[in-house]
Amino acid sequence: MRTFNPIKLLSLFSLLLGLSLGNTLLAQDQYKLAAKPELKVKGTSTLHDWEMTSAQAQGTAEMVLEGATLKNVKAASVTMKTQSIKSGTAKMDDLAYESLKASKFPDITFTLTSFRALDNNRGLATGNLTIAGTTKPVTFNVETSTKSNLVQMAGEANIKFTDFGIKPPTALLGTVKTGNELKINFKVGFQPVASYTKN
């Protein structure tokens, strides 16, 4: 007949509790893009610098947090409508949409391929950016923070029109020329939609 050994039972319970707490500290969660993201494209021209913005996008992400610190982003994708980008000037918008082939390629997408966490809540997010039907790898320098279960990210990257097979737009019979270099900035928040502990 087996004898009850409370010490062994207590040890087993402690081990299981420790494993459970360890998994809780490193939670892998599903997130979706929160409302009102801030997306900007900045460029230059022979007339003046310019900026186009959008507050419309959809996206999902799978993130790993340790407490309030973002440790990793396992997967992420963001899609925005090309014609959601606005400059405040209808003529400039039309010129941009024509250059971006918006009627044929209505979406601009970014799909994460890797994320590397750095110190001071910074990171490098590399992924495939698709504009006007052409896909190129792009790395964003990002800063992250968490507040009330909302993971906030701000980042920027430099690209060129010609990287995506786009000729820099011109206006007024070619007298106004747009520079080839562009800067993309974003500020977004991801909110959890479901969570599960990592095995």
N, C-alpha and C. Protein backbone atom coordinates (compact mmCIF):
# COMPACT_ATOMS: atom_id res chain seq x y z
N MET A 1 0.84 -1.19 0.00
CA MET A 1 0.00 0.00 0.00
C MET A 1 0.88 1.25 0.00
N ARG A 2 0.56 2.22 -0.91
CA ARG A 2 1.36 3.44 -1.00
C ARG A 2 1.04 4.38 0.16
N THR A 3 2.08 5.00 0.67
CA THR A 3 1.89 5.98 1.74
C THR A 3 1.85 7.38 1.14
N PHE A 4 1.04 8.24 1.72
CA PHE A 4 0.90 9.63 1.26
C PHE A 4 2.11 10.43 1.69
N ASN A 5 2.77 11.03 0.75
CA ASN A 5 3.97 11.81 1.05
C ASN A 5 3.70 13.28 0.76
N PRO A 6 3.36 14.05 1.79
CA PRO A 6 3.01 15.46 1.57
C PRO A 6 4.17 16.29 1.05
N ILE A 7 5.41 15.89 1.36
CA ILE A 7 6.57 16.67 0.90
C ILE A 7 6.71 16.56 -0.61
N LYS A 8 6.55 15.34 -1.15
CA LYS A 8 6.64 15.15 -2.60
C LYS A 8 5.50 15.87 -3.30
N LEU A 9 4.31 15.82 -2.72
CA LEU A 9 3.17 16.49 -3.33
C LEU A 9 3.38 18.00 -3.36
N LEU A 10 3.92 18.53 -2.26
CA LEU A 10 4.19 19.97 -2.19
C LEU A 10 5.25 20.37 -3.21
N SER A 11 6.26 19.53 -3.37
CA SER A 11 7.31 19.81 -4.35
C SER A 11 6.76 19.83 -5.76
N LEU A 12 5.88 18.87 -6.07
CA LEU A 12 5.28 18.80 -7.39
C LEU A 12 4.41 20.03 -7.64
N PHE A 13 3.64 20.42 -6.64
CA PHE A 13 2.77 21.59 -6.77
C PHE A 13 3.60 22.85 -7.01
N SER A 14 4.71 22.98 -6.29
CA SER A 14 5.58 24.15 -6.45
C SER A 14 6.19 24.21 -7.84
N LEU A 15 6.57 23.03 -8.36
CA LEU A 15 7.14 22.97 -9.70
C LEU A 15 6.13 23.40 -10.74
N LEU A 16 4.90 22.89 -10.64
CA LEU A 16 3.85 23.25 -11.60
C LEU A 16 3.51 24.73 -11.50
N LEU A 17 3.47 25.26 -10.28
CA LEU A 17 3.19 26.68 -10.10
C LEU A 17 4.29 27.54 -10.72
N GLY A 18 5.53 27.12 -10.53
CA GLY A 18 6.65 27.85 -11.12
C GLY A 18 6.60 27.88 -12.62
N LEU A 19 6.25 26.74 -13.23
CA LEU A 19 6.13 26.69 -14.68
C LEU A 19 5.00 27.58 -15.16
N SER A 20 3.91 27.57 -14.43
CA SER A 20 2.76 28.40 -14.81
C SER A 20 3.11 29.88 -14.75
N LEU A 21 3.80 30.29 -13.67
CA LEU A 21 4.19 31.70 -13.56
C LEU A 21 5.18 32.09 -14.65
N GLY A 22 6.09 31.18 -14.99
CA GLY A 22 7.06 31.46 -16.05
C GLY A 22 6.37 31.70 -17.37
N ASN A 23 5.35 30.89 -17.67
CA ASN A 23 4.61 31.07 -18.91
C ASN A 23 3.81 32.35 -18.90
N THR A 24 3.30 32.72 -17.71
CA THR A 24 2.51 33.94 -17.63
C THR A 24 3.36 35.17 -17.89
N LEU A 25 4.61 35.13 -17.42
CA LEU A 25 5.50 36.26 -17.62
C LEU A 25 5.83 36.47 -19.09
N LEU A 26 5.87 35.39 -19.87
CA LEU A 26 6.19 35.48 -21.28
C LEU A 26 4.95 35.09 -22.07
N ALA A 27 4.07 36.05 -22.29
CA ALA A 27 2.78 35.79 -22.94
C ALA A 27 2.85 36.15 -24.42
N GLN A 28 2.33 35.28 -25.23
CA GLN A 28 2.31 35.50 -26.68
C GLN A 28 0.87 35.80 -27.07
N ASP A 29 0.61 37.04 -27.48
CA ASP A 29 -0.76 37.51 -27.66
C ASP A 29 -1.04 37.92 -29.10
N GLN A 30 -2.32 37.83 -29.45
CA GLN A 30 -2.80 38.30 -30.74
C GLN A 30 -3.31 39.73 -30.58
N TYR A 31 -2.92 40.60 -31.50
CA TYR A 31 -3.30 42.01 -31.44
C TYR A 31 -3.89 42.46 -32.77
N LYS A 32 -4.66 43.54 -32.68
CA LYS A 32 -5.15 44.19 -33.90
C LYS A 32 -4.85 45.67 -33.83
N LEU A 33 -4.73 46.29 -34.99
CA LEU A 33 -4.41 47.71 -35.06
C LEU A 33 -5.55 48.52 -34.48
N ALA A 34 -5.24 49.41 -33.55
CA ALA A 34 -6.24 50.26 -32.94
C ALA A 34 -6.65 51.37 -33.91
N ALA A 35 -7.73 52.05 -33.56
CA ALA A 35 -8.27 53.10 -34.43
C ALA A 35 -7.32 54.28 -34.52
N LYS A 36 -7.44 55.02 -35.62
CA LYS A 36 -6.73 56.26 -35.87
C LYS A 36 -5.20 56.14 -35.83
N PRO A 37 -4.63 55.29 -36.66
CA PRO A 37 -3.16 55.27 -36.78
C PRO A 37 -2.69 56.54 -37.48
N GLU A 38 -1.46 56.94 -37.22
CA GLU A 38 -0.87 58.10 -37.88
C GLU A 38 0.21 57.62 -38.84
N LEU A 39 -0.03 57.81 -40.13
CA LEU A 39 0.91 57.37 -41.17
C LEU A 39 1.27 58.58 -42.04
N LYS A 40 2.57 58.82 -42.23
CA LYS A 40 3.01 59.97 -43.00
C LYS A 40 4.06 59.59 -44.02
N VAL A 41 4.00 60.24 -45.17
CA VAL A 41 5.05 60.13 -46.19
C VAL A 41 5.55 61.55 -46.46
N LYS A 42 6.86 61.74 -46.31
CA LYS A 42 7.44 63.07 -46.51
C LYS A 42 8.42 63.04 -47.68
N GLY A 43 8.42 64.12 -48.45
CA GLY A 43 9.33 64.21 -49.58
C GLY A 43 9.70 65.64 -49.91
N THR A 44 10.43 65.79 -50.97
CA THR A 44 10.89 67.12 -51.40
C THR A 44 10.50 67.35 -52.86
N SER A 45 10.60 68.60 -53.27
CA SER A 45 10.43 68.95 -54.69
C SER A 45 11.23 70.21 -54.95
N THR A 46 11.33 70.59 -56.21
CA THR A 46 12.05 71.81 -56.55
C THR A 46 11.28 73.05 -56.12
N LEU A 47 10.01 72.87 -55.72
CA LEU A 47 9.19 74.00 -55.28
C LEU A 47 9.16 74.10 -53.75
N HIS A 48 8.90 72.99 -53.08
CA HIS A 48 8.83 72.98 -51.61
C HIS A 48 8.78 71.53 -51.12
N ASP A 49 9.05 71.36 -49.83
CA ASP A 49 8.88 70.05 -49.22
C ASP A 49 7.38 69.75 -49.11
N TRP A 50 7.05 68.49 -49.06
CA TRP A 50 5.64 68.12 -49.00
C TRP A 50 5.44 66.95 -48.05
N GLU A 51 4.17 66.73 -47.67
CA GLU A 51 3.82 65.67 -46.74
C GLU A 51 2.42 65.17 -47.05
N MET A 52 2.25 63.86 -47.01
CA MET A 52 0.93 63.25 -47.18
C MET A 52 0.67 62.34 -45.99
N THR A 53 -0.56 62.34 -45.51
CA THR A 53 -0.89 61.58 -44.31
C THR A 53 -2.11 60.70 -44.51
N SER A 54 -2.21 59.68 -43.68
CA SER A 54 -3.38 58.80 -43.65
C SER A 54 -3.65 58.40 -42.21
N ALA A 55 -4.92 58.27 -41.88
CA ALA A 55 -5.32 57.79 -40.56
C ALA A 55 -6.19 56.55 -40.70
N GLN A 56 -6.00 55.84 -41.81
CA GLN A 56 -6.81 54.66 -42.09
C GLN A 56 -5.89 53.48 -42.42
N ALA A 57 -6.01 52.42 -41.65
CA ALA A 57 -5.25 51.20 -41.92
C ALA A 57 -5.84 50.07 -41.10
N GLN A 58 -5.57 48.85 -41.54
CA GLN A 58 -5.97 47.67 -40.79
C GLN A 58 -4.74 46.79 -40.62
N GLY A 59 -4.66 46.10 -39.48
CA GLY A 59 -3.50 45.27 -39.26
C GLY A 59 -3.66 44.31 -38.10
N THR A 60 -2.82 43.30 -38.07
CA THR A 60 -2.79 42.33 -36.98
C THR A 60 -1.34 42.06 -36.61
N ALA A 61 -1.13 41.57 -35.41
CA ALA A 61 0.22 41.25 -34.96
C ALA A 61 0.16 40.16 -33.90
N GLU A 62 1.26 39.44 -33.79
CA GLU A 62 1.44 38.44 -32.74
C GLU A 62 2.69 38.84 -31.96
N MET A 63 2.50 39.24 -30.71
CA MET A 63 3.59 39.83 -29.94
C MET A 63 3.87 39.04 -28.67
N VAL A 64 5.12 39.15 -28.21
CA VAL A 64 5.53 38.52 -26.97
C VAL A 64 5.94 39.62 -25.99
N LEU A 65 5.23 39.70 -24.87
CA LEU A 65 5.52 40.69 -23.84
C LEU A 65 6.02 40.01 -22.57
N GLU A 66 6.96 40.65 -21.92
CA GLU A 66 7.40 40.21 -20.60
C GLU A 66 7.10 41.35 -19.64
N GLY A 67 6.04 41.18 -18.86
CA GLY A 67 5.55 42.29 -18.07
C GLY A 67 5.03 43.38 -18.99
N ALA A 68 5.59 44.59 -18.86
CA ALA A 68 5.19 45.71 -19.71
C ALA A 68 6.19 45.98 -20.83
N THR A 69 7.12 45.03 -21.05
CA THR A 69 8.16 45.21 -22.06
C THR A 69 7.90 44.32 -23.27
N LEU A 70 7.93 44.92 -24.45
CA LEU A 70 7.79 44.14 -25.67
C LEU A 70 9.11 43.43 -25.96
N LYS A 71 9.07 42.09 -25.96
CA LYS A 71 10.27 41.30 -26.18
C LYS A 71 10.44 40.88 -27.63
N ASN A 72 9.31 40.66 -28.32
CA ASN A 72 9.43 40.19 -29.71
C ASN A 72 8.10 40.39 -30.41
N VAL A 73 8.17 40.52 -31.73
CA VAL A 73 6.98 40.51 -32.59
C VAL A 73 7.14 39.32 -33.52
N LYS A 74 6.31 38.32 -33.32
CA LYS A 74 6.44 37.08 -34.08
C LYS A 74 5.92 37.22 -35.50
N ALA A 75 4.89 38.05 -35.66
CA ALA A 75 4.31 38.26 -36.99
C ALA A 75 3.51 39.56 -36.96
N ALA A 76 3.39 40.21 -38.11
CA ALA A 76 2.59 41.43 -38.21
C ALA A 76 2.34 41.75 -39.67
N SER A 77 1.20 42.34 -39.92
CA SER A 77 0.89 42.82 -41.27
C SER A 77 -0.04 44.02 -41.16
N VAL A 78 0.19 45.01 -42.01
CA VAL A 78 -0.62 46.23 -42.03
C VAL A 78 -0.97 46.55 -43.48
N THR A 79 -2.23 46.91 -43.70
CA THR A 79 -2.70 47.27 -45.04
C THR A 79 -3.40 48.62 -44.99
N MET A 80 -3.07 49.47 -45.93
CA MET A 80 -3.76 50.75 -46.04
C MET A 80 -4.14 51.00 -47.49
N LYS A 81 -5.24 51.71 -47.70
CA LYS A 81 -5.68 52.06 -49.03
C LYS A 81 -4.80 53.19 -49.58
N THR A 82 -4.33 53.02 -50.79
CA THR A 82 -3.46 54.03 -51.41
C THR A 82 -4.14 55.39 -51.42
N GLN A 83 -5.42 55.42 -51.74
CA GLN A 83 -6.13 56.70 -51.86
C GLN A 83 -6.59 57.25 -50.52
N SER A 84 -6.17 56.62 -49.41
CA SER A 84 -6.42 57.22 -48.10
C SER A 84 -5.36 58.24 -47.74
N ILE A 85 -4.25 58.25 -48.51
CA ILE A 85 -3.17 59.21 -48.27
C ILE A 85 -3.57 60.56 -48.85
N LYS A 86 -3.53 61.60 -48.03
CA LYS A 86 -3.97 62.92 -48.46
C LYS A 86 -2.90 63.97 -48.18
N SER A 87 -2.83 64.95 -49.10
CA SER A 87 -1.87 66.05 -48.93
C SER A 87 -2.56 67.34 -48.52
N GLY A 88 -3.88 67.40 -48.71
CA GLY A 88 -4.61 68.63 -48.49
C GLY A 88 -4.83 69.40 -49.78
N THR A 89 -4.23 68.91 -50.87
CA THR A 89 -4.40 69.54 -52.18
C THR A 89 -4.85 68.49 -53.18
N ALA A 90 -6.02 68.67 -53.76
CA ALA A 90 -6.60 67.66 -54.64
C ALA A 90 -5.71 67.36 -55.84
N LYS A 91 -5.09 68.37 -56.43
CA LYS A 91 -4.25 68.15 -57.61
C LYS A 91 -3.03 67.30 -57.26
N MET A 92 -2.43 67.58 -56.10
CA MET A 92 -1.28 66.79 -55.67
C MET A 92 -1.70 65.36 -55.37
N ASP A 93 -2.87 65.20 -54.77
CA ASP A 93 -3.37 63.85 -54.48
C ASP A 93 -3.55 63.06 -55.77
N ASP A 94 -4.17 63.68 -56.77
CA ASP A 94 -4.40 63.00 -58.05
C ASP A 94 -3.08 62.61 -58.71
N LEU A 95 -2.09 63.49 -58.64
CA LEU A 95 -0.78 63.20 -59.21
C LEU A 95 -0.12 62.03 -58.48
N ALA A 96 -0.26 62.01 -57.16
CA ALA A 96 0.31 60.91 -56.37
C ALA A 96 -0.37 59.59 -56.69
N TYR A 97 -1.69 59.59 -56.77
CA TYR A 97 -2.42 58.35 -57.05
C TYR A 97 -2.08 57.79 -58.43
N GLU A 98 -1.87 58.72 -59.38
CA GLU A 98 -1.48 58.28 -60.73
C GLU A 98 -0.11 57.63 -60.69
N SER A 99 0.84 58.25 -59.98
CA SER A 99 2.19 57.70 -59.89
C SER A 99 2.21 56.36 -59.16
N LEU A 100 1.36 56.23 -58.14
CA LEU A 100 1.29 55.00 -57.35
C LEU A 100 0.40 53.93 -57.98
N LYS A 101 -0.16 54.24 -59.15
CA LYS A 101 -1.03 53.30 -59.87
C LYS A 101 -2.15 52.79 -58.98
N ALA A 102 -2.79 53.76 -58.30
CA ALA A 102 -3.78 53.42 -57.29
C ALA A 102 -4.98 52.68 -57.85
N SER A 103 -5.38 52.96 -59.08
CA SER A 103 -6.54 52.27 -59.65
C SER A 103 -6.26 50.79 -59.87
N LYS A 104 -5.01 50.45 -60.17
CA LYS A 104 -4.62 49.05 -60.41
C LYS A 104 -4.18 48.37 -59.13
N PHE A 105 -3.51 49.12 -58.25
CA PHE A 105 -3.00 48.57 -56.99
C PHE A 105 -3.55 49.42 -55.84
N PRO A 106 -4.75 49.14 -55.38
CA PRO A 106 -5.42 50.00 -54.40
C PRO A 106 -4.85 49.91 -52.99
N ASP A 107 -4.01 48.91 -52.71
CA ASP A 107 -3.51 48.72 -51.35
C ASP A 107 -1.99 48.89 -51.26
N ILE A 108 -1.55 49.43 -50.15
CA ILE A 108 -0.14 49.44 -49.75
C ILE A 108 -0.02 48.53 -48.53
N THR A 109 0.88 47.57 -48.56
CA THR A 109 0.96 46.60 -47.47
C THR A 109 2.38 46.48 -46.92
N PHE A 110 2.45 46.11 -45.65
CA PHE A 110 3.72 45.80 -45.01
C PHE A 110 3.55 44.50 -44.24
N THR A 111 4.42 43.53 -44.52
CA THR A 111 4.38 42.24 -43.84
C THR A 111 5.72 42.01 -43.15
N LEU A 112 5.69 41.88 -41.84
CA LEU A 112 6.91 41.72 -41.06
C LEU A 112 7.59 40.39 -41.36
N THR A 113 8.91 40.41 -41.48
CA THR A 113 9.69 39.18 -41.63
C THR A 113 10.60 38.93 -40.42
N SER A 114 10.99 40.00 -39.71
CA SER A 114 11.80 39.81 -38.50
C SER A 114 11.71 41.05 -37.62
N PHE A 115 11.88 40.82 -36.32
CA PHE A 115 11.90 41.93 -35.37
C PHE A 115 13.03 41.68 -34.39
N ARG A 116 13.86 42.71 -34.17
CA ARG A 116 14.97 42.59 -33.22
C ARG A 116 14.84 43.67 -32.16
N ALA A 117 14.63 43.23 -30.93
CA ALA A 117 14.51 44.16 -29.82
C ALA A 117 15.88 44.70 -29.42
N LEU A 118 15.97 46.02 -29.22
CA LEU A 118 17.19 46.66 -28.77
C LEU A 118 16.96 47.21 -27.37
N ASP A 119 17.92 47.94 -26.85
CA ASP A 119 17.75 48.50 -25.51
C ASP A 119 16.86 49.74 -25.55
N ASN A 120 16.42 50.17 -24.36
CA ASN A 120 15.62 51.39 -24.21
C ASN A 120 14.35 51.38 -25.04
N ASN A 121 13.69 50.21 -25.09
CA ASN A 121 12.40 50.08 -25.79
C ASN A 121 12.48 50.43 -27.27
N ARG A 122 13.62 50.14 -27.87
CA ARG A 122 13.78 50.35 -29.30
C ARG A 122 13.87 49.01 -30.01
N GLY A 123 13.68 49.03 -31.33
CA GLY A 123 13.78 47.79 -32.08
C GLY A 123 13.95 48.05 -33.56
N LEU A 124 14.22 46.99 -34.29
CA LEU A 124 14.32 47.03 -35.75
C LEU A 124 13.28 46.09 -36.32
N ALA A 125 12.37 46.64 -37.10
CA ALA A 125 11.30 45.85 -37.71
C ALA A 125 11.55 45.77 -39.21
N THR A 126 11.87 44.60 -39.71
CA THR A 126 12.15 44.39 -41.13
C THR A 126 11.01 43.62 -41.76
N GLY A 127 10.61 44.03 -42.95
CA GLY A 127 9.52 43.34 -43.62
C GLY A 127 9.44 43.70 -45.08
N ASN A 128 8.46 43.14 -45.74
CA ASN A 128 8.24 43.38 -47.17
C ASN A 128 7.19 44.46 -47.35
N LEU A 129 7.60 45.57 -47.96
CA LEU A 129 6.71 46.69 -48.25
C LEU A 129 6.30 46.62 -49.72
N THR A 130 5.00 46.64 -49.96
CA THR A 130 4.48 46.56 -51.33
C THR A 130 3.78 47.86 -51.69
N ILE A 131 4.31 48.52 -52.72
CA ILE A 131 3.75 49.77 -53.23
C ILE A 131 3.66 49.66 -54.74
N ALA A 132 2.50 50.01 -55.30
CA ALA A 132 2.30 50.00 -56.76
C ALA A 132 2.64 48.64 -57.36
N GLY A 133 2.36 47.58 -56.62
CA GLY A 133 2.56 46.23 -57.14
C GLY A 133 3.98 45.70 -57.03
N THR A 134 4.90 46.49 -56.48
CA THR A 134 6.30 46.06 -56.33
C THR A 134 6.62 45.90 -54.85
N THR A 135 7.27 44.79 -54.51
CA THR A 135 7.59 44.48 -53.12
C THR A 135 9.09 44.56 -52.88
N LYS A 136 9.47 45.29 -51.84
CA LYS A 136 10.88 45.43 -51.48
C LYS A 136 11.03 45.30 -49.96
N PRO A 137 12.17 44.75 -49.49
CA PRO A 137 12.42 44.70 -48.05
C PRO A 137 12.76 46.09 -47.50
N VAL A 138 12.19 46.41 -46.35
CA VAL A 138 12.42 47.70 -45.71
C VAL A 138 12.58 47.47 -44.21
N THR A 139 13.51 48.19 -43.57
CA THR A 139 13.71 48.10 -42.12
C THR A 139 13.31 49.42 -41.47
N PHE A 140 12.41 49.34 -40.51
CA PHE A 140 11.98 50.50 -39.74
C PHE A 140 12.69 50.52 -38.39
N ASN A 141 13.20 51.69 -38.00
CA ASN A 141 13.65 51.92 -36.63
C ASN A 141 12.42 52.25 -35.80
N VAL A 142 12.16 51.49 -34.75
CA VAL A 142 10.93 51.69 -33.99
C VAL A 142 11.22 51.93 -32.52
N GLU A 143 10.31 52.66 -31.89
CA GLU A 143 10.29 52.84 -30.45
C GLU A 143 8.96 52.30 -29.94
N THR A 144 8.99 51.57 -28.84
CA THR A 144 7.78 50.91 -28.35
C THR A 144 7.50 51.30 -26.90
N SER A 145 6.23 51.20 -26.53
CA SER A 145 5.81 51.39 -25.15
C SER A 145 4.48 50.67 -24.95
N THR A 146 4.16 50.36 -23.72
CA THR A 146 2.88 49.72 -23.41
C THR A 146 2.15 50.53 -22.36
N LYS A 147 0.83 50.66 -22.55
CA LYS A 147 0.00 51.40 -21.62
C LYS A 147 -1.41 50.84 -21.66
N SER A 148 -1.87 50.34 -20.52
CA SER A 148 -3.23 49.78 -20.42
C SER A 148 -3.49 48.73 -21.49
N ASN A 149 -2.56 47.80 -21.65
CA ASN A 149 -2.65 46.69 -22.61
C ASN A 149 -2.54 47.15 -24.07
N LEU A 150 -2.26 48.44 -24.29
CA LEU A 150 -2.08 48.94 -25.65
C LEU A 150 -0.58 49.01 -25.94
N VAL A 151 -0.15 48.31 -26.99
CA VAL A 151 1.25 48.36 -27.40
C VAL A 151 1.40 49.46 -28.45
N GLN A 152 2.15 50.50 -28.11
CA GLN A 152 2.31 51.64 -29.00
C GLN A 152 3.66 51.56 -29.70
N MET A 153 3.66 51.89 -30.98
CA MET A 153 4.87 51.86 -31.77
C MET A 153 4.97 53.13 -32.61
N ALA A 154 6.19 53.65 -32.69
CA ALA A 154 6.48 54.78 -33.57
C ALA A 154 7.76 54.44 -34.32
N GLY A 155 7.77 54.71 -35.61
CA GLY A 155 8.96 54.34 -36.38
C GLY A 155 9.10 55.13 -37.65
N GLU A 156 10.25 54.92 -38.30
CA GLU A 156 10.51 55.60 -39.56
C GLU A 156 11.48 54.78 -40.41
N ALA A 157 11.41 55.01 -41.70
CA ALA A 157 12.32 54.37 -42.66
C ALA A 157 12.45 55.27 -43.87
N ASN A 158 13.58 55.16 -44.55
CA ASN A 158 13.81 55.91 -45.79
C ASN A 158 13.71 54.97 -46.99
N ILE A 159 12.97 55.40 -47.99
CA ILE A 159 12.84 54.63 -49.23
C ILE A 159 12.98 55.59 -50.41
N LYS A 160 12.94 55.04 -51.61
CA LYS A 160 12.97 55.84 -52.83
C LYS A 160 11.83 55.44 -53.75
N PHE A 161 11.34 56.41 -54.52
CA PHE A 161 10.34 56.09 -55.53
C PHE A 161 10.83 54.98 -56.45
N THR A 162 12.08 55.12 -56.91
CA THR A 162 12.61 54.19 -57.90
C THR A 162 12.80 52.78 -57.35
N ASP A 163 12.87 52.64 -56.00
CA ASP A 163 12.93 51.29 -55.42
C ASP A 163 11.71 50.47 -55.82
N PHE A 164 10.60 51.16 -56.06
CA PHE A 164 9.35 50.48 -56.35
C PHE A 164 8.91 50.67 -57.80
N GLY A 165 9.88 50.99 -58.63
CA GLY A 165 9.59 51.14 -60.06
C GLY A 165 8.74 52.34 -60.39
N ILE A 166 8.78 53.37 -59.53
CA ILE A 166 7.96 54.57 -59.73
C ILE A 166 8.86 55.73 -60.14
N LYS A 167 8.49 56.41 -61.20
CA LYS A 167 9.20 57.60 -61.62
C LYS A 167 8.75 58.77 -60.74
N PRO A 168 9.68 59.49 -60.12
CA PRO A 168 9.27 60.63 -59.28
C PRO A 168 8.36 61.58 -60.05
N PRO A 169 7.21 61.93 -59.48
CA PRO A 169 6.24 62.76 -60.19
C PRO A 169 6.78 64.14 -60.55
N THR A 170 6.22 64.68 -61.62
CA THR A 170 6.52 66.06 -62.01
C THR A 170 5.21 66.80 -62.24
N ALA A 171 5.26 68.12 -62.20
CA ALA A 171 4.07 68.94 -62.42
C ALA A 171 4.44 70.17 -63.23
N LEU A 172 3.41 70.85 -63.69
CA LEU A 172 3.57 72.08 -64.48
C LEU A 172 4.54 71.87 -65.63
N LEU A 173 4.21 70.86 -66.44
CA LEU A 173 4.99 70.54 -67.64
C LEU A 173 6.45 70.24 -67.33
N GLY A 174 6.66 69.64 -66.15
CA GLY A 174 8.00 69.21 -65.79
C GLY A 174 8.84 70.27 -65.09
N THR A 175 8.26 71.45 -64.87
CA THR A 175 9.03 72.51 -64.22
C THR A 175 9.16 72.28 -62.71
N VAL A 176 8.23 71.52 -62.15
CA VAL A 176 8.30 71.15 -60.73
C VAL A 176 8.60 69.66 -60.66
N LYS A 177 9.70 69.31 -60.05
CA LYS A 177 10.12 67.91 -59.98
C LYS A 177 10.18 67.45 -58.52
N THR A 178 9.69 66.24 -58.31
CA THR A 178 9.70 65.65 -56.97
C THR A 178 11.01 64.90 -56.75
N GLY A 179 11.58 65.03 -55.56
CA GLY A 179 12.80 64.29 -55.24
C GLY A 179 12.53 62.80 -55.14
N ASN A 180 13.55 62.00 -55.35
CA ASN A 180 13.41 60.55 -55.36
C ASN A 180 13.30 59.97 -53.94
N GLU A 181 13.89 60.65 -52.95
CA GLU A 181 13.94 60.12 -51.59
C GLU A 181 12.65 60.42 -50.83
N LEU A 182 12.20 59.43 -50.05
CA LEU A 182 11.01 59.56 -49.23
C LEU A 182 11.31 59.10 -47.82
N LYS A 183 10.60 59.68 -46.86
CA LYS A 183 10.67 59.23 -45.47
C LYS A 183 9.28 58.82 -45.04
N ILE A 184 9.17 57.60 -44.49
CA ILE A 184 7.90 57.10 -43.97
C ILE A 184 7.94 57.14 -42.46
N ASN A 185 6.94 57.75 -41.85
CA ASN A 185 6.80 57.79 -40.40
C ASN A 185 5.45 57.17 -40.00
N PHE A 186 5.43 56.53 -38.86
CA PHE A 186 4.15 56.03 -38.38
C PHE A 186 4.10 56.06 -36.85
N LYS A 187 2.89 56.23 -36.33
CA LYS A 187 2.59 56.06 -34.91
C LYS A 187 1.31 55.25 -34.84
N VAL A 188 1.40 54.05 -34.27
CA VAL A 188 0.25 53.16 -34.22
C VAL A 188 0.14 52.52 -32.85
N GLY A 189 -1.04 52.00 -32.57
CA GLY A 189 -1.25 51.24 -31.36
C GLY A 189 -1.88 49.90 -31.71
N PHE A 190 -1.46 48.86 -31.01
CA PHE A 190 -2.05 47.53 -31.18
C PHE A 190 -2.73 47.13 -29.88
N GLN A 191 -3.97 46.70 -29.97
CA GLN A 191 -4.72 46.28 -28.81
C GLN A 191 -4.96 44.77 -28.85
N PRO A 192 -4.92 44.09 -27.70
CA PRO A 192 -5.07 42.63 -27.70
C PRO A 192 -6.48 42.21 -28.07
N VAL A 193 -6.57 41.11 -28.84
CA VAL A 193 -7.87 40.54 -29.19
C VAL A 193 -8.04 39.14 -28.58
N ALA A 194 -6.94 38.47 -28.25
CA ALA A 194 -6.97 37.16 -27.62
C ALA A 194 -5.57 36.90 -27.10
N SER A 195 -5.44 35.99 -26.16
CA SER A 195 -4.12 35.64 -25.65
C SER A 195 -4.06 34.20 -25.25
N TYR A 196 -2.85 33.67 -25.27
CA TYR A 196 -2.61 32.32 -24.84
C TYR A 196 -1.20 32.23 -24.32
N THR A 197 -0.91 31.34 -23.41
CA THR A 197 0.43 31.23 -22.89
C THR A 197 1.30 30.39 -23.80
N LYS A 198 2.57 30.79 -23.87
CA LYS A 198 3.52 30.10 -24.73
C LYS A 198 3.97 28.80 -24.07
N ASN A 199 3.99 27.72 -24.86
CA ASN A 199 4.45 26.44 -24.34
C ASN A 199 5.98 26.37 -24.35
